Amino acid sequence: MVENVLQKLCDKFDAGHARYRVLHHPAGDRSSESVAKVRGTAIGQGAKALVCMAKGNGVKQYVLAVLPADQQADLKKLAHALGATRAGLCSPEEVMELTGCILGAVPPVALHEKLLGVADPSLFTRYEELAFNAGARDVSIIINTEDFHRIVAPKEIPFLRDAEVTEIA
């Protein structure tokens, strides 16, 4: 299991000379809206991290899939991009084993060798800074987006759910 998540993140970002800050705050619930409000950031600045398993076609891969917090993931798109037939969210126990974190506290950085880090490309184009929980629900990191992209270097895969079109009668 991963331990000392905040320290590992800070060490990684310090080694890469990232522009970031650690923010200690009251714990939000698991919703992106509540934690954005506590941080004083836009919901879309949040880097939401989903711990998934992609399977099928001989593929069995744990994935840390990162996307803007105001968007939804299309796990079928993610699975197909990885050569698998399906993908699903991992159990809270698997999340703890792979990240050292409870649900809602997982950072968008794969710190376990079994986790493949991927990100939707839109994560890097919308805001100058990204915000995310850093191993606990009461501590966040706000980091320059370019520095995050350069240091973390996730595999870029478009996997956002298409916006639903509603017709007006």
Protein backbone atom coordinates (compact mmCIF):
# COMPACT_ATOMS: atom_id res chain seq x y z
CA MET A 1 0.00 0.00 0.00
CA VAL A 2 1.10 3.56 -0.69
CA GLU A 3 1.97 5.55 2.46
CA ASN A 4 2.82 9.20 3.14
CA VAL A 5 0.89 10.35 0.07
CA LEU A 6 1.23 14.09 0.70
CA GLN A 7 4.99 13.79 1.28
CA LYS A 8 5.46 11.70 -1.88
CA LEU A 9 3.52 14.26 -3.93
CA CYS A 10 5.52 17.17 -2.51
CA ASP A 11 8.82 15.34 -3.10
CA LYS A 12 7.83 14.64 -6.71
CA PHE A 13 6.74 18.22 -7.36
CA ASP A 14 9.78 19.70 -5.58
CA ALA A 15 12.13 17.50 -7.65
CA GLY A 16 10.43 18.81 -10.81
CA HIS A 17 10.58 22.43 -9.61
CA ALA A 18 6.80 22.76 -9.79
CA ARG A 19 4.92 25.89 -8.86
CA TYR A 20 2.41 24.59 -6.30
CA ARG A 21 1.03 25.16 -2.84
CA VAL A 22 -0.44 22.91 -0.17
CA LEU A 23 -3.75 24.04 1.27
CA HIS A 24 -5.08 22.69 4.58
CA HIS A 25 -8.84 23.21 4.87
CA PRO A 26 -11.97 21.78 6.46
CA ALA A 27 -12.82 18.39 4.97
CA GLY A 28 -15.33 18.55 2.16
CA ASP A 29 -17.60 15.66 1.33
CA ARG A 30 -16.93 13.53 -1.75
CA SER A 31 -18.60 16.00 -4.13
CA SER A 32 -16.46 18.11 -6.43
CA GLU A 33 -18.67 21.13 -5.74
CA SER A 34 -18.15 21.04 -1.97
CA VAL A 35 -14.38 20.76 -2.13
CA ALA A 36 -14.10 23.47 -4.82
CA LYS A 37 -16.07 25.81 -2.56
CA VAL A 38 -13.81 25.04 0.41
CA ARG A 39 -10.69 25.61 -1.73
CA GLY A 40 -12.04 28.75 -3.41
CA THR A 41 -11.46 27.29 -6.89
CA ALA A 42 -13.67 26.62 -9.90
CA ILE A 43 -15.14 23.11 -10.09
CA GLY A 44 -13.46 22.58 -13.51
CA GLN A 45 -10.03 23.26 -11.97
CA GLY A 46 -10.42 20.12 -9.94
CA ALA A 47 -8.51 17.09 -11.20
CA LYS A 48 -10.85 14.17 -10.44
CA ALA A 49 -9.06 10.82 -10.13
CA LEU A 50 -10.94 7.57 -10.74
CA VAL A 51 -9.31 4.25 -9.88
CA CYS A 52 -10.49 1.75 -12.49
CA MET A 53 -9.81 -1.71 -13.85
CA ALA A 54 -9.78 -2.20 -17.63
CA LYS A 55 -10.37 -5.83 -18.74
CA GLY A 56 -10.98 -7.97 -21.79
CA ASN A 57 -9.08 -8.86 -24.98
CA GLY A 58 -6.23 -10.13 -22.80
CA VAL A 59 -5.97 -6.78 -20.99
CA LYS A 60 -6.13 -6.54 -17.21
CA GLN A 61 -4.87 -3.13 -16.14
CA TYR A 62 -5.45 -0.90 -13.13
CA VAL A 63 -5.88 2.69 -14.30
CA LEU A 64 -5.83 6.04 -12.55
CA ALA A 65 -8.08 8.01 -14.91
CA VAL A 66 -7.96 11.79 -14.39
CA LEU A 67 -10.46 14.29 -15.78
CA PRO A 68 -11.81 17.75 -14.99
CA ALA A 69 -14.07 17.54 -11.92
CA ASP A 70 -16.99 19.17 -13.75
CA GLN A 71 -17.05 16.40 -16.37
CA GLN A 72 -18.12 12.75 -16.43
CA ALA A 73 -16.05 9.78 -17.57
CA ASP A 74 -17.08 7.39 -20.33
CA LEU A 75 -15.44 4.20 -19.10
CA LYS A 76 -16.28 2.38 -22.34
CA LYS A 77 -14.20 4.94 -24.29
CA LEU A 78 -11.38 4.50 -21.79
CA ALA A 79 -11.50 0.70 -22.05
CA HIS A 80 -11.46 0.73 -25.85
CA ALA A 81 -8.54 3.19 -25.94
CA LEU A 82 -6.57 0.74 -23.79
CA GLY A 83 -7.48 -2.25 -25.97
CA ALA A 84 -9.89 -3.67 -23.39
CA THR A 85 -13.59 -4.44 -23.78
CA ARG A 86 -14.77 -2.91 -20.51
CA ALA A 87 -13.69 -0.82 -17.53
CA GLY A 88 -15.20 -0.31 -14.11
CA LEU A 89 -14.50 1.52 -10.90
CA CYS A 90 -12.47 -0.32 -8.27
CA SER A 91 -13.81 -1.16 -4.81
CA PRO A 92 -12.94 1.09 -1.86
CA GLU A 93 -10.56 -1.65 -0.65
CA GLU A 94 -8.74 -1.75 -4.00
CA VAL A 95 -8.57 2.05 -4.04
CA MET A 96 -6.99 2.02 -0.57
CA GLU A 97 -4.48 -0.67 -1.58
CA LEU A 98 -3.46 1.12 -4.82
CA THR A 99 -3.45 4.71 -3.56
CA GLY A 100 -3.28 4.68 0.23
CA CYS A 101 -6.39 6.88 0.19
CA ILE A 102 -10.07 6.72 0.94
CA LEU A 103 -12.55 7.60 -1.80
CA GLY A 104 -12.63 11.35 -2.28
CA ALA A 105 -8.99 11.83 -1.27
CA VAL A 106 -7.19 10.17 -4.23
CA PRO A 107 -4.71 12.50 -5.95
CA PRO A 108 -4.35 12.47 -9.76
CA VAL A 109 -0.85 11.02 -9.56
CA ALA A 110 -0.20 7.27 -9.87
CA LEU A 111 2.13 6.42 -6.99
CA HIS A 112 1.72 2.60 -7.22
CA GLU A 113 3.55 0.62 -9.90
CA LYS A 114 0.36 -1.28 -10.83
CA LEU A 115 -1.51 1.94 -11.70
CA LEU A 116 -1.35 3.33 -15.24
CA GLY A 117 -1.87 7.09 -15.11
CA VAL A 118 -4.06 8.48 -17.88
CA ALA A 119 -5.71 11.88 -18.31
CA ASP A 120 -8.27 13.36 -20.62
CA PRO A 121 -6.44 16.04 -22.69
CA SER A 122 -9.01 18.69 -21.73
CA LEU A 123 -7.53 18.67 -18.21
CA PHE A 124 -4.54 20.63 -19.51
CA THR A 125 -6.26 23.29 -21.63
CA ARG A 126 -8.85 25.01 -19.44
CA TYR A 127 -7.14 26.51 -16.38
CA GLU A 128 -3.68 27.77 -15.42
CA GLU A 129 -3.85 25.83 -12.17
CA LEU A 130 -5.25 22.45 -11.15
CA ALA A 131 -6.52 21.60 -7.68
CA PHE A 132 -6.88 18.20 -6.07
CA ASN A 133 -7.07 16.37 -2.76
CA ALA A 134 -3.65 15.22 -1.68
CA GLY A 135 -4.23 11.98 0.20
CA ALA A 136 -6.87 13.28 2.62
CA ARG A 137 -10.13 15.20 2.33
CA ASP A 138 -8.75 18.12 4.34
CA VAL A 139 -5.59 18.84 2.35
CA SER A 140 -5.28 19.92 -1.27
CA ILE A 141 -2.57 20.83 -3.70
CA ILE A 142 -3.00 23.65 -6.18
CA ILE A 143 -0.40 23.35 -8.93
CA ASN A 144 0.49 25.08 -12.16
CA THR A 145 -1.13 23.04 -14.92
CA GLU A 146 1.94 23.04 -17.18
CA ASP A 147 4.14 21.84 -14.31
CA PHE A 148 1.67 19.07 -13.43
CA HIS A 149 1.53 17.96 -17.09
CA ARG A 150 5.32 17.94 -17.41
CA ILE A 151 6.09 16.17 -14.13
CA VAL A 152 3.25 13.63 -13.95
CA ALA A 153 3.18 13.00 -17.74
CA PRO A 154 0.05 10.83 -17.84
CA LYS A 155 -0.91 9.01 -21.01
CA GLU A 156 -3.44 11.26 -22.75
CA ILE A 157 -6.68 9.53 -23.75
CA PRO A 158 -9.94 11.33 -24.58
CA PHE A 159 -12.55 9.64 -22.39
CA LEU A 160 -15.11 12.28 -21.44
CA ARG A 161 -18.77 11.40 -21.69
CA ASP A 162 -20.37 13.28 -24.57
CA ALA A 163 -22.71 16.04 -23.48
CA GLU A 164 -26.29 14.95 -23.80
CA VAL A 165 -28.24 16.94 -26.33
CA THR A 166 -31.69 17.92 -25.15
CA GLU A 167 -34.25 19.14 -27.63
CA ILE A 168 -36.53 21.99 -26.80
CA ALA A 169 -40.11 21.38 -27.93
